[in-house]
Amino acid sequence: MPPVKRKILFLCTGNSCRSQMAEALTNHLRGEKFQAFSAGVQPHGLDPRAQAVMAELGLDISGQRSKDVSAFLGQQFDYVVTLCDNARESCPFFPGAARRVHAGFDDPPLLATAAKNEEEALAIYRRVRDQIKAFVEAMPASLEQEAA
């Protein structure tokens, strides 16, 4: 009998970048122990730069789509991980065994608005991607933070 995977929902504001990266990285790197999903409190489409920096790791997220957190209400999750302060403050209550964890990461689209060129913008996305990757690689220990 295969081991039971823990279900994890990654939340951020737009479900366009950070949560999409976290979902893909978790399913790729930790898929034997976790089944990851992502959503946003105000979804606004998949970020092309997020797609580009994930492709650099050999991960194609172009088939993923932004989803509203309301699509997951009523589902059971072992962990609900907020990746930005807005999601932490706006996150609905998930009944059941879900443990809420906050793991804040910088907002690449926001920071990239000040970038001087595309390469500088992509460097911001890569930095945040790599921070999320380190968080995912450290799971489940990284999930044992204080509850959000």
Protein backbone atom coordinates (compact mmCIF):
# COMPACT_ATOMS: atom_id res chain seq x y z
CA MET A 1 0.00 0.00 0.00
CA PRO A 2 1.51 3.37 -0.99
CA PRO A 3 2.22 5.84 1.82
CA VAL A 4 -0.43 8.45 2.53
CA LYS A 5 0.60 11.82 1.17
CA ARG A 6 0.01 14.93 3.26
CA LYS A 7 -2.10 17.51 1.44
CA ILE A 8 -0.75 21.04 1.42
CA LEU A 9 -2.33 24.23 0.10
CA PHE A 10 -0.06 27.18 -0.70
CA LEU A 11 -1.78 30.57 -0.64
CA CYS A 12 -0.72 34.01 -1.79
CA THR A 13 -2.58 37.04 -3.05
CA GLY A 14 -2.75 36.43 -6.78
CA ASN A 15 -1.82 32.76 -7.17
CA SER A 16 0.32 33.95 -10.05
CA CYS A 17 3.88 33.45 -8.84
CA ARG A 18 4.99 32.34 -5.34
CA SER A 19 2.23 29.83 -4.65
CA GLN A 20 2.51 28.44 -8.19
CA MET A 21 6.25 27.93 -7.67
CA ALA A 22 5.68 26.29 -4.28
CA GLU A 23 3.04 23.93 -5.71
CA ALA A 24 5.26 22.82 -8.60
CA LEU A 25 8.41 22.49 -6.49
CA THR A 26 6.62 20.49 -3.81
CA ASN A 27 5.04 18.08 -6.26
CA HIS A 28 8.37 17.66 -8.07
CA LEU A 29 10.80 17.49 -5.14
CA ARG A 30 8.63 16.10 -2.35
CA GLY A 31 5.85 14.37 -4.26
CA GLU A 32 6.49 11.09 -2.47
CA LYS A 33 5.30 12.67 0.83
CA PHE A 34 3.15 15.63 -0.19
CA GLN A 35 0.40 16.49 -2.65
CA ALA A 36 0.49 20.25 -3.22
CA PHE A 37 -2.13 22.69 -4.45
CA SER A 38 -2.13 26.48 -4.73
CA ALA A 39 -4.67 29.27 -4.68
CA GLY A 40 -5.00 33.01 -4.22
CA VAL A 41 -7.26 35.39 -2.38
CA GLN A 42 -7.48 37.54 -5.56
CA PRO A 43 -6.22 35.36 -8.45
CA HIS A 44 -4.93 37.20 -11.49
CA GLY A 45 -3.32 34.77 -13.90
CA LEU A 46 -0.05 32.92 -14.18
CA ASP A 47 3.02 35.17 -14.25
CA PRO A 48 5.15 34.67 -17.41
CA ARG A 49 8.38 35.38 -15.51
CA ALA A 50 7.49 32.73 -12.93
CA GLN A 51 7.02 30.31 -15.83
CA ALA A 52 10.42 31.30 -17.24
CA VAL A 53 12.41 30.81 -14.03
CA MET A 54 10.69 27.51 -13.28
CA ALA A 55 11.52 26.33 -16.82
CA GLU A 56 15.18 26.99 -15.96
CA LEU A 57 14.81 24.17 -13.41
CA GLY A 58 13.15 21.94 -15.99
CA LEU A 59 9.66 22.47 -14.55
CA ASP A 60 6.89 23.47 -16.94
CA ILE A 61 4.14 25.29 -15.04
CA SER A 62 2.46 26.69 -18.15
CA GLY A 63 -0.45 24.27 -17.67
CA GLN A 64 -1.17 25.51 -14.16
CA ARG A 65 -3.81 28.19 -13.66
CA SER A 66 -4.66 30.75 -11.01
CA LYS A 67 -7.35 29.49 -8.67
CA ASP A 68 -9.45 31.27 -6.07
CA VAL A 69 -9.10 29.94 -2.54
CA SER A 70 -12.88 29.50 -2.40
CA ALA A 71 -12.48 26.56 -4.82
CA PHE A 72 -10.85 24.63 -1.99
CA LEU A 73 -13.26 25.43 0.85
CA GLY A 74 -14.61 22.25 2.36
CA GLN A 75 -11.56 20.21 1.36
CA GLN A 76 -9.29 18.71 3.98
CA PHE A 77 -5.63 19.79 4.08
CA ASP A 78 -2.89 18.81 6.46
CA TYR A 79 -1.23 22.20 5.98
CA VAL A 80 -2.33 25.58 4.68
CA VAL A 81 0.77 27.68 4.05
CA THR A 82 0.44 31.40 3.46
CA LEU A 83 3.31 32.89 1.46
CA CYS A 84 2.52 36.59 1.93
CA ASP A 85 1.04 38.77 4.66
CA ASN A 86 -2.07 39.60 2.62
CA ALA A 87 -2.92 35.91 2.25
CA ARG A 88 -2.26 35.31 5.95
CA GLU A 89 -4.68 38.09 6.90
CA SER A 90 -7.31 37.11 4.30
CA CYS A 91 -7.09 33.33 4.56
CA PRO A 92 -10.43 31.72 5.29
CA PHE A 93 -10.84 29.17 8.03
CA PHE A 94 -10.18 25.61 6.88
CA PRO A 95 -11.96 23.13 9.14
CA GLY A 96 -10.39 19.82 9.98
CA ALA A 97 -6.81 18.98 10.75
CA ALA A 98 -5.19 21.75 8.70
CA ARG A 99 -2.30 23.44 10.42
CA ARG A 100 -1.80 27.02 9.30
CA VAL A 101 1.80 28.01 8.70
CA HIS A 102 3.12 31.35 7.49
CA ALA A 103 6.26 31.37 5.36
CA GLY A 104 6.57 34.85 3.91
CA PHE A 105 8.54 35.45 0.72
CA ASP A 106 9.17 38.68 -1.20
CA ASP A 107 6.73 39.51 -4.01
CA PRO A 108 8.69 39.20 -7.30
CA PRO A 109 6.18 41.08 -9.51
CA LEU A 110 6.16 44.01 -7.09
CA LEU A 111 9.95 44.13 -6.72
CA ALA A 112 10.47 43.72 -10.47
CA THR A 113 8.67 47.00 -11.14
CA ALA A 114 11.87 48.76 -10.00
CA ALA A 115 14.17 46.58 -12.11
CA LYS A 116 16.27 48.40 -14.70
CA ASN A 117 15.93 45.60 -17.27
CA GLU A 118 14.49 42.15 -17.85
CA GLU A 119 17.58 40.33 -16.56
CA GLU A 120 17.43 42.25 -13.28
CA ALA A 121 13.72 41.43 -12.99
CA LEU A 122 14.39 37.73 -13.62
CA ALA A 123 17.13 37.77 -10.97
CA ILE A 124 14.48 38.76 -8.41
CA TYR A 125 12.25 35.89 -9.50
CA ARG A 126 15.19 33.46 -9.33
CA ARG A 127 16.10 34.56 -5.81
CA VAL A 128 12.56 34.05 -4.52
CA ARG A 129 12.24 30.75 -6.45
CA ASP A 130 15.42 29.49 -4.80
CA GLN A 131 14.20 30.56 -1.34
CA ILE A 132 10.93 28.69 -1.89
CA LYS A 133 12.88 25.68 -3.17
CA ALA A 134 14.97 25.65 0.04
CA PHE A 135 11.76 25.81 2.12
CA VAL A 136 10.28 22.88 0.16
CA GLU A 137 13.47 20.82 0.41
CA ALA A 138 13.41 21.28 4.20
CA MET A 139 9.83 19.98 4.52
CA PRO A 140 8.41 18.68 6.78
CA ALA A 141 10.73 20.45 9.24
CA SER A 142 10.06 23.85 7.64
CA LEU A 143 6.33 23.31 8.26
CA GLU A 144 6.84 22.93 11.99
CA GLN A 145 7.03 26.68 12.51
CA GLU A 146 4.58 28.44 14.75
CA ALA A 147 1.05 28.31 13.41
CA ALA A 148 0.07 31.39 11.40
